[in-house]
Amino acid sequence: MRKNIYIKIFFIISIIFPNVIFADEYDDNNYRSENSSINIEQSNLPIVFIDTRHGSDYPNIIHKDYDIVARMKIIMNKDGINFGDTIIYPNQTVNYEGWVSIQYRGNTSFSASEKKPFNFKTLVTDNVNAKKQKVEIMGMPKDNKWTLLAPYNDRSLIRDALMFQLARPYFDYVPRVRHCELILDGYYYGIYVMAEKPSKGKYRLNLDDPGDNGDELTGGYQLEVDRDDEQYYYRSKHIMKDKNGKPYIYNNSTVFQYKHPDYEEMTTEQVNYIQNQIDLMEQTLDSDDFTDSEKGYRKYLDHISFIDQQLSQEVSGNIDGYRLSTNIYKKRDSQDPRFKTTLWDFNLAFGNAMQMGGTKTDYWVYQNTYVSDYDYKVPFWWSRMMEDPAYVNDLKARWKQYREGSYSDKAIEYTIDSLVNHLKINGALERNNKVYNMFGDKWVWPVPNFETNNTYEKEINYLKTWLKERINWLDEQLEFQPEYTGIKTEIKKDDKQVIGYYNLQGKLLTKPQKGITIIRYKNGIPSKIITK
């Protein structure tokens, strides 16, 4: 039986995650499921085996603050059918087999979840300090830093994968992910998401190691907007204020964590340089001439990359968006002198949170007014850029590209259905649900705003409905008219029975506009949909 698990009820968290068991830093069975009878006969998902014992009868305890060594083996057959019993089926294709250094990861995803996420690095030998080796995992390009995400609060199991797949065509880099099933020390742990970490790497952010002078000093760097819970971080000099212009008392400036290089590896020159670049970017954004084409904010940040970040956070309604897990990076000036962004962490997106307006579909996340004085704030960057008409025009143009590409209604429906079907085939979803049915059926699917959503199908329907409503609202805000494929109808300008013209969101128009217009008539005459 597990130990070191205590019930810790906090005011805010008790509202967000009612009846959640908060885990201590670790337990002696590595949070092993109490349902030990689940076995994988066959799966279309890759099967990941992690063995912390490597020869011992007792598991080594996985920690959150330092690595331990474990053995990893991944079964991934070419025909897509993988067997959990490697003794009966000894000739399966091994995608990777070797040593890894592993530890728990995450904040809320760790503390408020029975299903723990992991970071791991692939090693040459069984020494935790051994040389790292770059390997290909599940068809993803070679690297040595990997993450096993644990979709627990996300009952759809697909929110991160969905966001990354939709956004991939528009960013320079978005992490690749693969669903898999995990067996740890012989026990089944459910469906996980094998993911690339947004980090330095030839096939990832492709950053150089910075030098101490000249062009080499200017890149590359990776920072993450997040909490001040790291030993080393940089706090922005820009003090954020509320709508009344009063400075916040707590957490009133953006916190940057050092991701590449690690702070301990940076020289004084490098620390000073990247901090100064942040200061210059924010000072320019806050200046009166921030829209200037030569000396304005576009000199310091790639505004299209920041638009892509904005659209990703907005379309998903991500309550952690902008203010947490937001990666920015900078290459050398000779390559590109501007900050860019990439994506991470969407488990509390797409209507999957009650707090901070997480279930709402009709507001801008970047100007979220639900954040209390104690929470980490959204950086002021996007609010400021939205004051620039040129930025807003580019935002609308980019949204049009999205809606005519991977964010079209048909493409979104197809993407969700494909991800869901992949989890259902050969019983992976059913096995996962059996593991995490610890609190009785009513706690298997605690969807934020629908207590009756206690089936996977209802959860997916909720996700689709929420996303459709969200996109309709964004279409209205960003003036995008979806293509109407019906029969065009001529407009009679002299029709005295017309009450008014409306768009799809019910907004009154002065006259029919390009795209779809709804004409409403007097005396109960049925409305008519026309295109122009």
Protein backbone atom coordinates (compact mmCIF):
# COMPACT_ATOMS: atom_id res chain seq x y z
CA MET A 1 0.00 0.00 0.00
CA ARG A 2 1.20 3.47 -0.68
CA LYS A 3 2.42 5.80 1.99
CA ASN A 4 3.38 9.47 2.23
CA ILE A 5 0.05 10.53 0.65
CA TYR A 6 -1.75 13.19 2.59
CA ILE A 7 -5.02 14.96 1.95
CA LYS A 8 -4.14 18.65 1.61
CA ILE A 9 -7.08 20.91 1.04
CA PHE A 10 -6.30 24.42 -0.12
CA PHE A 11 -8.91 27.09 -0.69
CA ILE A 12 -8.34 27.69 -4.38
CA ILE A 13 -7.39 24.15 -5.34
CA SER A 14 -10.39 22.70 -3.55
CA ILE A 15 -12.59 24.70 -5.91
CA ILE A 16 -10.62 23.72 -8.98
CA PHE A 17 -10.13 20.04 -8.21
CA PRO A 18 -12.70 18.87 -5.66
CA ASN A 19 -11.96 15.61 -3.82
CA VAL A 20 -8.46 15.35 -5.28
CA ILE A 21 -5.78 13.45 -3.37
CA PHE A 22 -2.65 15.56 -3.25
CA ALA A 23 0.49 13.48 -3.43
CA ASP A 24 3.60 14.01 -1.40
CA GLU A 25 6.86 14.21 -3.32
CA TYR A 26 7.06 10.45 -3.84
CA ASP A 27 5.96 7.11 -2.46
CA ASP A 28 7.69 3.77 -2.13
CA ASN A 29 5.75 2.11 -4.95
CA ASN A 30 6.00 5.01 -7.41
CA TYR A 31 2.23 5.64 -7.23
CA ARG A 32 1.43 2.16 -8.42
CA SER A 33 -2.20 1.57 -9.34
CA GLU A 34 -4.22 -0.41 -6.81
CA ASN A 35 -5.79 -2.23 -9.74
CA SER A 36 -2.95 -4.62 -10.56
CA SER A 37 -4.93 -7.05 -12.72
CA ILE A 38 -4.73 -5.08 -15.98
CA ASN A 39 -2.61 -6.57 -18.75
CA ILE A 40 -2.03 -5.57 -22.35
CA GLU A 41 -2.83 -8.44 -24.67
CA GLN A 42 -2.35 -6.30 -27.74
CA SER A 43 -2.35 -2.60 -28.53
CA ASN A 44 -2.03 -0.39 -31.57
CA LEU A 45 -0.14 2.08 -29.35
CA PRO A 46 3.58 1.67 -28.66
CA ILE A 47 4.19 -0.01 -25.28
CA VAL A 48 6.76 1.59 -22.96
CA PHE A 49 8.35 -0.57 -20.26
CA ILE A 50 10.27 1.19 -17.47
CA ASP A 51 12.13 -0.89 -14.88
CA THR A 52 13.52 0.97 -11.88
CA ARG A 53 14.59 -2.26 -10.19
CA HIS A 54 17.14 -3.51 -12.76
CA GLY A 55 18.00 -6.65 -10.84
CA SER A 56 16.53 -5.84 -7.43
CA ASP A 57 13.26 -7.19 -6.05
CA TYR A 58 12.32 -3.68 -4.89
CA PRO A 59 11.68 -0.60 -7.01
CA ASN A 60 13.97 2.39 -6.80
CA ILE A 61 11.92 5.41 -5.75
CA ILE A 62 11.38 8.05 -8.43
CA HIS A 63 11.76 11.63 -7.16
CA LYS A 64 10.71 15.04 -8.40
CA ASP A 65 13.86 16.98 -7.54
CA TYR A 66 16.56 14.66 -8.90
CA ASP A 67 17.06 11.80 -11.38
CA ILE A 68 17.39 8.11 -10.77
CA VAL A 69 18.53 5.48 -13.30
CA ALA A 70 16.06 3.07 -14.89
CA ARG A 71 15.91 0.69 -17.83
CA MET A 72 13.54 1.50 -20.68
CA LYS A 73 12.24 -0.67 -23.51
CA ILE A 74 9.74 0.39 -26.18
CA ILE A 75 7.83 -2.11 -28.31
CA MET A 76 6.65 -0.71 -31.63
CA ASN A 77 5.98 -3.27 -34.36
CA LYS A 78 5.83 -2.24 -37.98
CA ASP A 79 2.34 -3.65 -38.49
CA GLY A 80 1.01 -1.46 -35.65
CA ILE A 81 0.04 -4.38 -33.37
CA ASN A 82 2.09 -4.57 -30.16
CA PHE A 83 1.93 -7.28 -27.50
CA GLY A 84 2.41 -6.67 -23.79
CA ASP A 85 3.76 -10.16 -23.09
CA THR A 86 7.33 -10.07 -24.36
CA ILE A 87 7.98 -13.67 -23.30
CA ILE A 88 5.26 -15.22 -25.46
CA TYR A 89 6.07 -12.71 -28.22
CA PRO A 90 9.88 -12.39 -28.05
CA ASN A 91 10.52 -11.27 -31.62
CA GLN A 92 8.75 -7.93 -31.54
CA THR A 93 10.38 -4.78 -32.92
CA VAL A 94 12.18 -2.87 -30.20
CA ASN A 95 12.06 0.84 -30.94
CA TYR A 96 14.42 1.70 -28.08
CA GLU A 97 16.10 -0.26 -25.32
CA GLY A 98 18.59 1.29 -22.94
CA TRP A 99 19.29 3.30 -19.81
CA VAL A 100 17.49 6.49 -18.87
CA SER A 101 17.72 9.00 -16.04
CA ILE A 102 14.17 9.74 -14.95
CA GLN A 103 12.28 12.00 -12.53
CA TYR A 104 8.76 13.31 -12.00
CA ARG A 105 7.82 16.60 -13.63
CA GLY A 106 5.05 19.20 -13.58
CA ASN A 107 3.34 21.42 -11.03
CA THR A 108 -0.43 20.95 -10.87
CA SER A 109 -0.12 18.00 -13.25
CA PHE A 110 1.96 16.29 -10.56
CA SER A 111 0.44 17.44 -7.28
CA ALA A 112 -3.23 17.17 -8.23
CA SER A 113 -3.02 13.92 -10.14
CA GLU A 114 -2.86 10.24 -9.36
CA LYS A 115 -1.15 9.75 -12.70
CA LYS A 116 2.37 11.15 -12.61
CA PRO A 117 4.22 12.70 -15.58
CA PHE A 118 7.95 12.12 -16.14
CA ASN A 119 11.01 13.71 -17.71
CA PHE A 120 13.77 11.40 -18.84
CA LYS A 121 17.10 11.50 -20.66
CA THR A 122 18.56 8.62 -22.65
CA LEU A 123 22.00 7.50 -21.38
CA VAL A 124 24.94 5.45 -22.64
CA THR A 125 25.45 3.52 -19.35
CA ASP A 126 23.64 2.89 -16.05
CA ASN A 127 25.23 5.86 -14.28
CA VAL A 128 22.91 8.80 -13.63
CA ASN A 129 25.76 11.13 -14.67
CA ALA A 130 26.64 9.11 -17.76
CA LYS A 131 26.96 10.65 -21.18
CA LYS A 132 23.58 11.27 -22.81
CA GLN A 133 22.88 9.63 -26.15
CA LYS A 134 20.54 10.91 -28.82
CA VAL A 135 18.02 8.33 -29.99
CA GLU A 136 14.97 8.20 -32.23
CA ILE A 137 11.81 7.40 -30.28
CA MET A 138 8.52 6.35 -31.88
CA GLY A 139 9.47 7.88 -35.20
CA MET A 140 10.41 11.22 -33.69
CA PRO A 141 13.87 12.57 -34.61
CA LYS A 142 16.93 11.85 -32.50
CA ASP A 143 17.39 13.66 -29.21
CA ASN A 144 18.20 12.81 -25.59
CA LYS A 145 15.56 14.81 -23.68
CA TRP A 146 12.02 13.45 -23.58
CA THR A 147 8.80 13.80 -21.62
CA LEU A 148 6.03 11.37 -20.75
CA LEU A 149 2.92 13.50 -20.27
CA ALA A 150 0.20 12.00 -18.10
CA PRO A 151 -3.28 13.05 -19.28
CA TYR A 152 -5.27 12.76 -16.06
CA ASN A 153 -7.21 16.00 -15.57
CA ASP A 154 -7.66 16.01 -19.34
CA ARG A 155 -10.26 13.27 -19.63
CA SER A 156 -10.23 13.45 -23.42
CA LEU A 157 -6.54 12.41 -23.32
CA ILE A 158 -5.95 14.40 -26.51
CA ARG A 159 -5.83 18.12 -25.69
CA ASP A 160 -2.05 18.56 -25.99
CA ALA A 161 -1.87 16.39 -29.10
CA LEU A 162 -4.81 18.23 -30.65
CA MET A 163 -3.30 21.66 -30.11
CA PHE A 164 0.13 20.67 -31.41
CA GLN A 165 -1.33 19.04 -34.51
CA LEU A 166 -3.53 22.01 -35.38
CA ALA A 167 -0.74 24.55 -34.85
CA ARG A 168 2.13 22.66 -36.46
CA PRO A 169 1.89 24.23 -39.95
CA TYR A 170 2.33 27.77 -38.61
CA PHE A 171 5.26 27.64 -36.17
CA ASP A 172 8.93 27.13 -36.90
CA TYR A 173 8.77 24.33 -34.31
CA VAL A 174 6.02 22.57 -32.35
CA PRO A 175 6.77 19.51 -30.17
CA ARG A 176 5.95 16.15 -31.73
CA VAL A 177 3.93 13.73 -29.61
CA ARG A 178 2.83 10.07 -29.70
CA HIS A 179 0.27 8.31 -27.52
CA CYS A 180 1.55 5.14 -25.85
CA GLU A 181 0.82 2.78 -22.94
CA LEU A 182 3.12 2.57 -19.93
CA ILE A 183 4.15 -0.41 -17.81
CA LEU A 184 6.30 0.62 -14.84
CA ASP A 185 7.99 -2.09 -12.77
CA GLY A 186 5.56 -4.65 -14.17
CA TYR A 187 2.38 -2.65 -13.42
CA TYR A 188 0.11 -1.04 -15.96
CA TYR A 189 -0.13 2.77 -15.64
CA GLY A 190 -2.39 3.67 -18.56
CA ILE A 191 -2.20 5.88 -21.64
CA TYR A 192 0.63 8.42 -21.70
CA VAL A 193 1.86 10.93 -24.29
CA MET A 194 5.50 10.60 -25.35
CA ALA A 195 6.59 14.14 -26.22
CA GLU A 196 9.59 16.08 -27.37
CA LYS A 197 10.61 18.77 -24.91
CA PRO A 198 10.70 22.26 -26.44
CA SER A 199 14.47 22.52 -26.13
CA LYS A 200 17.75 22.95 -27.93
CA GLY A 201 18.25 20.27 -30.56
CA LYS A 202 18.94 19.89 -34.25
CA TYR A 203 15.35 18.83 -34.88
CA ARG A 204 13.80 21.08 -32.25
CA LEU A 205 14.64 24.74 -31.59
CA ASN A 206 18.03 24.26 -33.25
CA LEU A 207 19.81 26.77 -31.02
CA ASP A 208 23.54 27.40 -30.87
CA ASP A 209 25.48 27.58 -27.63
CA PRO A 210 26.15 31.28 -27.01
CA GLY A 211 29.67 32.67 -26.73
CA ASP A 212 30.95 35.67 -24.80
CA ASN A 213 31.36 38.29 -27.51
CA GLY A 214 30.38 39.36 -31.00
CA ASP A 215 27.65 37.54 -32.86
CA GLU A 216 28.15 34.42 -30.74
CA LEU A 217 27.03 36.32 -27.65
CA THR A 218 23.67 37.08 -29.25
CA GLY A 219 22.38 33.49 -29.38
CA GLY A 220 21.00 31.07 -28.82
CA TYR A 221 18.84 31.45 -25.70
CA GLN A 222 15.62 29.87 -24.51
CA LEU A 223 13.50 31.28 -21.68
CA GLU A 224 10.18 30.21 -20.24
CA VAL A 225 7.57 32.53 -18.78
CA ASP A 226 6.55 30.68 -15.64
CA ARG A 227 6.62 30.65 -11.83
CA ASP A 228 9.40 31.89 -9.56
CA ASP A 229 9.93 28.40 -8.13
CA GLU A 230 13.34 27.79 -9.74
CA GLN A 231 16.56 28.59 -7.93
CA TYR A 232 17.57 31.02 -10.66
CA TYR A 233 15.23 33.20 -12.70
CA TYR A 234 14.92 36.73 -14.05
CA ARG A 235 12.10 39.03 -13.01
CA SER A 236 10.94 41.63 -15.52
CA LYS A 237 11.46 45.30 -14.67
CA HIS A 238 8.01 46.09 -16.09
CA ILE A 239 5.46 46.38 -13.26
CA MET A 240 1.98 45.30 -14.30
CA LYS A 241 -1.09 47.26 -13.30
CA ASP A 242 -4.80 46.59 -13.03
CA LYS A 243 -7.46 48.27 -15.18
CA ASN A 244 -7.42 51.28 -12.89
CA GLY A 245 -3.70 51.78 -13.36
CA LYS A 246 -2.85 50.56 -9.87
CA PRO A 247 0.20 48.25 -9.60
CA TYR A 248 -0.55 44.74 -8.44
CA ILE A 249 0.80 43.88 -5.01
CA TYR A 250 1.76 40.27 -5.65
CA ASN A 251 3.45 38.69 -8.69
CA ASN A 252 3.32 42.00 -10.49
CA SER A 253 6.04 41.29 -13.04
CA THR A 254 6.78 38.50 -15.49
CA VAL A 255 9.15 35.74 -14.40
CA PHE A 256 11.57 34.15 -16.87
CA GLN A 257 13.16 30.77 -16.18
CA TYR A 258 16.44 29.93 -17.93
CA LYS A 259 16.07 26.88 -20.19
CA HIS A 260 19.05 27.18 -22.52
CA PRO A 261 21.69 27.48 -21.44
CA ASP A 262 21.10 26.41 -17.84
CA TYR A 263 21.83 29.33 -15.56
CA GLU A 264 24.73 27.47 -13.92
CA GLU A 265 26.38 27.14 -17.33
CA MET A 266 26.00 30.78 -18.34
CA THR A 267 28.74 33.37 -18.13
CA THR A 268 28.17 36.84 -16.68
CA GLU A 269 28.25 38.28 -20.20
CA GLN A 270 25.53 35.91 -21.39
CA VAL A 271 23.26 36.57 -18.40
CA ASN A 272 23.63 40.31 -18.81
CA TYR A 273 23.01 40.12 -22.55
CA ILE A 274 19.76 38.15 -22.49
CA GLN A 275 18.37 40.14 -19.57
CA ASN A 276 19.16 43.34 -21.46
CA GLN A 277 17.35 42.01 -24.56
CA ILE A 278 14.24 41.34 -22.49
CA ASP A 279 14.45 44.83 -21.01
CA LEU A 280 14.83 46.44 -24.43
CA MET A 281 11.87 44.51 -25.84
CA GLU A 282 9.61 45.52 -22.96
CA GLN A 283 10.81 49.11 -22.82
CA THR A 284 10.13 49.46 -26.54
CA LEU A 285 6.66 47.95 -26.22
CA ASP A 286 5.92 50.38 -23.40
CA SER A 287 7.20 53.43 -25.27
CA ASP A 288 5.12 56.02 -27.11
CA ASP A 289 6.62 55.10 -30.49
CA PHE A 290 6.30 51.34 -30.05
CA THR A 291 4.65 50.99 -33.48
CA ASP A 292 7.52 52.69 -35.33
CA SER A 293 8.55 50.55 -38.29
CA GLU A 294 12.30 50.91 -37.60
CA LYS A 295 12.76 51.34 -33.86
CA GLY A 296 9.49 49.85 -32.57
CA TYR A 297 8.75 46.47 -31.02
CA ARG A 298 9.10 44.51 -34.27
CA LYS A 299 12.83 45.09 -34.02
CA TYR A 300 12.90 42.83 -30.96
CA LEU A 301 10.18 40.23 -31.56
CA ASP A 302 8.84 38.29 -34.51
CA HIS A 303 5.28 39.56 -34.45
CA ILE A 304 3.96 36.71 -36.64
CA SER A 305 5.37 34.17 -34.17
CA PHE A 306 3.69 36.07 -31.34
CA ILE A 307 0.46 36.15 -33.35
CA ASP A 308 0.68 32.38 -33.70
CA GLN A 309 1.15 32.10 -29.94
CA GLN A 310 -1.85 34.36 -29.40
CA LEU A 311 -4.14 32.46 -31.75
CA SER A 312 -3.12 29.13 -30.19
CA GLN A 313 -3.85 30.33 -26.67
CA GLU A 314 -7.09 32.01 -27.71
CA VAL A 315 -8.58 29.24 -29.82
CA SER A 316 -7.92 26.81 -26.96
CA GLY A 317 -9.04 29.18 -24.18
CA ASN A 318 -5.97 28.04 -22.23
CA ILE A 319 -6.17 29.35 -18.64
CA ASP A 320 -2.39 28.89 -18.30
CA GLY A 321 -1.84 30.58 -21.65
CA TYR A 322 0.74 33.36 -21.95
CA ARG A 323 1.48 33.45 -18.20
CA LEU A 324 2.84 29.90 -17.62
CA SER A 325 4.82 27.40 -19.71
CA THR A 326 5.28 29.99 -22.48
CA ASN A 327 8.59 29.47 -24.24
CA ILE A 328 10.40 32.27 -26.05
CA TYR A 329 13.77 31.85 -27.73
CA LYS A 330 16.34 33.89 -29.59
CA LYS A 331 18.86 32.81 -32.19
CA ARG A 332 22.02 34.66 -33.09
CA ASP A 333 21.57 38.08 -34.66
CA SER A 334 23.15 36.83 -37.89
CA GLN A 335 20.28 34.29 -38.14
CA ASP A 336 17.38 36.31 -36.69
CA PRO A 337 17.71 39.00 -33.99
CA ARG A 338 14.09 38.70 -32.79
CA PHE A 339 12.42 36.66 -30.06
CA LYS A 340 10.18 33.83 -31.29
CA THR A 341 7.79 31.51 -29.49
CA THR A 342 6.75 27.86 -29.41
CA LEU A 343 3.99 25.91 -27.64
CA TRP A 344 3.65 23.78 -24.50
CA ASP A 345 1.03 22.67 -21.95
CA PHE A 346 -2.63 22.60 -23.00
CA ASN A 347 -4.08 20.08 -20.56
CA LEU A 348 -6.28 22.77 -18.96
CA ALA A 349 -7.39 24.20 -22.31
CA PHE A 350 -10.43 23.69 -24.56
CA GLY A 351 -12.95 24.29 -21.79
CA ASN A 352 -11.22 22.00 -19.29
CA ALA A 353 -11.11 24.31 -16.25
CA MET A 354 -13.72 26.01 -14.13
CA GLN A 355 -11.44 28.75 -12.83
CA MET A 356 -10.38 31.93 -14.64
CA GLY A 357 -13.19 31.69 -17.18
CA GLY A 358 -11.90 28.37 -18.49
CA THR A 359 -15.31 27.18 -19.71
CA LYS A 360 -16.24 30.49 -21.38
CA THR A 361 -16.08 30.81 -25.15
CA ASP A 362 -16.65 34.54 -25.58
CA TYR A 363 -13.70 36.44 -24.13
CA TRP A 364 -10.02 37.18 -24.85
CA VAL A 365 -7.64 35.16 -22.69
CA TYR A 366 -4.84 37.72 -23.11
CA GLN A 367 -6.91 40.28 -21.20
CA ASN A 368 -8.17 37.79 -18.63
CA THR A 369 -9.73 39.73 -15.76
CA TYR A 370 -10.34 36.65 -13.64
CA VAL A 371 -6.74 36.38 -12.46
CA SER A 372 -6.51 37.38 -8.80
CA ASP A 373 -3.79 39.56 -7.35
CA TYR A 374 -2.01 36.43 -6.16
CA ASP A 375 -1.79 34.66 -9.51
CA TYR A 376 0.87 34.91 -12.17
CA LYS A 377 -0.17 37.53 -14.68
CA VAL A 378 -0.33 37.51 -18.46
CA PRO A 379 2.64 39.53 -19.81
CA PHE A 380 1.49 42.90 -21.10
CA TRP A 381 3.01 42.26 -24.55
CA TRP A 382 -0.15 41.12 -26.34
CA SER A 383 -2.40 43.77 -24.83
CA ARG A 384 0.06 46.38 -26.02
CA MET A 385 0.43 44.95 -29.53
CA MET A 386 -3.36 44.84 -29.87
CA GLU A 387 -3.20 48.64 -29.69
CA ASP A 388 -1.28 48.60 -32.98
CA PRO A 389 -3.71 48.59 -35.96
CA ALA A 390 -1.10 46.95 -38.17
CA TYR A 391 -0.71 44.08 -35.71
CA VAL A 392 -4.48 43.62 -35.54
CA ASN A 393 -4.70 43.52 -39.33
CA ASP A 394 -1.97 40.88 -39.46
CA LEU A 395 -3.77 38.94 -36.73
CA LYS A 396 -6.97 38.90 -38.81
CA ALA A 397 -5.07 37.87 -41.94
CA ARG A 398 -3.32 35.06 -40.06
CA TRP A 399 -6.64 33.80 -38.64
CA LYS A 400 -7.97 33.64 -42.20
CA GLN A 401 -5.01 31.43 -43.11
CA TYR A 402 -5.75 29.23 -40.09
CA ARG A 403 -9.44 28.86 -40.92
CA GLU A 404 -8.69 27.99 -44.52
CA GLY A 405 -6.09 25.45 -43.40
CA SER A 406 -5.79 23.12 -40.42
CA TYR A 407 -8.38 25.09 -38.41
CA SER A 408 -11.20 24.65 -40.91
CA ASP A 409 -14.32 23.04 -39.44
CA LYS A 410 -13.75 19.83 -41.39
CA ALA A 411 -10.04 19.64 -40.53
CA ILE A 412 -10.73 20.08 -36.81
CA GLU A 413 -13.44 17.41 -36.83
CA TYR A 414 -11.14 15.02 -38.67
CA THR A 415 -8.21 15.67 -36.33
CA ILE A 416 -10.27 15.03 -33.19
CA ASP A 417 -11.88 11.88 -34.61
CA SER A 418 -8.51 10.51 -35.74
CA LEU A 419 -6.94 11.00 -32.31
CA VAL A 420 -9.95 9.46 -30.55
CA ASN A 421 -10.13 6.44 -32.85
CA HIS A 422 -6.44 5.79 -32.32
CA LEU A 423 -7.03 5.45 -28.57
CA LYS A 424 -10.08 3.22 -28.89
CA ILE A 425 -8.65 0.55 -31.19
CA ASN A 426 -7.53 -2.61 -29.38
CA GLY A 427 -8.77 -1.44 -25.99
CA ALA A 428 -6.18 1.14 -24.85
CA LEU A 429 -8.86 3.59 -23.75
CA GLU A 430 -10.77 0.90 -21.85
CA ARG A 431 -7.63 -0.25 -20.03
CA ASN A 432 -6.70 3.31 -19.10
CA ASN A 433 -10.15 3.95 -17.62
CA LYS A 434 -9.97 0.87 -15.43
CA VAL A 435 -6.75 2.08 -13.82
CA TYR A 436 -8.08 5.50 -12.91
CA ASN A 437 -11.55 4.49 -11.74
CA MET A 438 -10.36 4.87 -8.13
CA PHE A 439 -13.07 7.13 -6.77
CA GLY A 440 -16.12 5.45 -8.29
CA ASP A 441 -17.77 6.21 -11.62
CA LYS A 442 -18.73 9.81 -10.80
CA TRP A 443 -15.06 10.77 -10.46
CA VAL A 444 -13.81 9.07 -13.60
CA TRP A 445 -14.88 11.98 -15.79
CA PRO A 446 -15.05 15.17 -13.66
CA VAL A 447 -15.66 17.54 -16.56
CA PRO A 448 -15.66 21.09 -15.17
CA ASN A 449 -19.12 22.32 -16.04
CA PHE A 450 -21.10 19.16 -16.75
CA GLU A 451 -21.34 16.74 -13.82
CA THR A 452 -23.30 14.36 -16.05
CA ASN A 453 -20.40 13.97 -18.49
CA ASN A 454 -19.37 10.60 -17.10
CA THR A 455 -18.53 8.88 -20.35
CA TYR A 456 -15.71 9.37 -22.79
CA GLU A 457 -18.16 10.01 -25.63
CA LYS A 458 -19.80 12.86 -23.70
CA GLU A 459 -16.40 14.33 -22.95
CA ILE A 460 -15.45 14.34 -26.63
CA ASN A 461 -18.82 15.82 -27.58
CA TYR A 462 -18.28 18.56 -24.99
CA LEU A 463 -14.83 19.26 -26.43
CA LYS A 464 -16.21 19.53 -29.96
CA THR A 465 -19.13 21.73 -28.93
CA TRP A 466 -16.94 24.03 -26.86
CA LEU A 467 -14.40 24.39 -29.67
CA LYS A 468 -17.06 25.13 -32.26
CA GLU A 469 -18.56 27.89 -30.11
CA ARG A 470 -15.09 29.29 -29.42
CA ILE A 471 -14.16 29.42 -33.09
CA ASN A 472 -17.47 31.05 -34.02
CA TRP A 473 -16.74 33.80 -31.50
CA LEU A 474 -13.21 34.28 -32.85
CA ASP A 475 -14.57 34.40 -36.40
CA GLU A 476 -16.78 37.30 -35.36
CA GLN A 477 -13.99 39.15 -33.54
CA LEU A 478 -11.49 38.67 -36.35
CA GLU A 479 -14.01 39.30 -39.13
CA PHE A 480 -13.70 35.94 -40.85
CA GLN A 481 -16.68 34.66 -42.81
CA PRO A 482 -16.73 30.87 -43.27
CA GLU A 483 -17.39 29.76 -46.81
CA TYR A 484 -21.05 28.94 -47.48
CA THR A 485 -21.57 26.15 -50.02
CA GLY A 486 -25.33 26.57 -50.52
CA ILE A 487 -27.16 28.11 -53.46
CA LYS A 488 -26.65 31.82 -53.93
CA THR A 489 -29.77 33.94 -53.69
CA GLU A 490 -30.32 37.37 -55.22
CA ILE A 491 -31.05 40.22 -52.76
CA LYS A 492 -34.13 42.35 -53.39
CA LYS A 493 -33.20 45.81 -52.18
CA ASP A 494 -36.78 47.07 -52.33
CA ASP A 495 -38.26 44.36 -50.09
CA LYS A 496 -40.26 46.32 -47.49
CA GLN A 497 -40.82 43.23 -45.33
CA VAL A 498 -37.14 43.05 -44.28
CA ILE A 499 -36.52 43.76 -40.57
CA GLY A 500 -32.74 43.63 -40.81
CA TYR A 501 -29.58 41.90 -41.96
CA TYR A 502 -27.50 39.80 -39.53
CA ASN A 503 -24.27 37.81 -39.58
CA LEU A 504 -23.97 34.25 -38.26
CA GLN A 505 -23.38 35.51 -34.71
CA GLY A 506 -26.59 37.55 -34.73
CA LYS A 507 -24.91 40.94 -35.07
CA LEU A 508 -27.06 43.54 -36.85
CA LEU A 509 -25.57 44.74 -40.14
CA THR A 510 -26.34 47.95 -42.01
CA LYS A 511 -26.47 45.99 -45.29
CA PRO A 512 -25.67 42.51 -46.60
CA GLN A 513 -21.95 41.85 -46.50
CA LYS A 514 -19.59 39.59 -48.35
CA GLY A 515 -20.04 36.01 -47.21
CA ILE A 516 -23.11 34.77 -45.34
CA THR A 517 -25.97 37.09 -44.37
CA ILE A 518 -29.21 36.17 -42.62
CA ILE A 519 -32.27 38.23 -43.65
CA ARG A 520 -35.07 38.48 -41.12
CA TYR A 521 -38.60 39.47 -42.20
CA LYS A 522 -41.77 40.89 -40.65
CA ASN A 523 -45.00 39.03 -39.94
CA GLY A 524 -43.40 35.69 -39.14
CA ILE A 525 -41.99 35.15 -42.61
CA PRO A 526 -39.11 32.60 -42.29
CA SER A 527 -35.59 34.01 -42.30
CA LYS A 528 -33.45 33.52 -45.38
CA ILE A 529 -29.73 32.71 -45.63
CA ILE A 530 -27.97 34.31 -48.58
CA THR A 531 -24.41 34.62 -49.84
CA LYS A 532 -22.82 37.51 -51.62
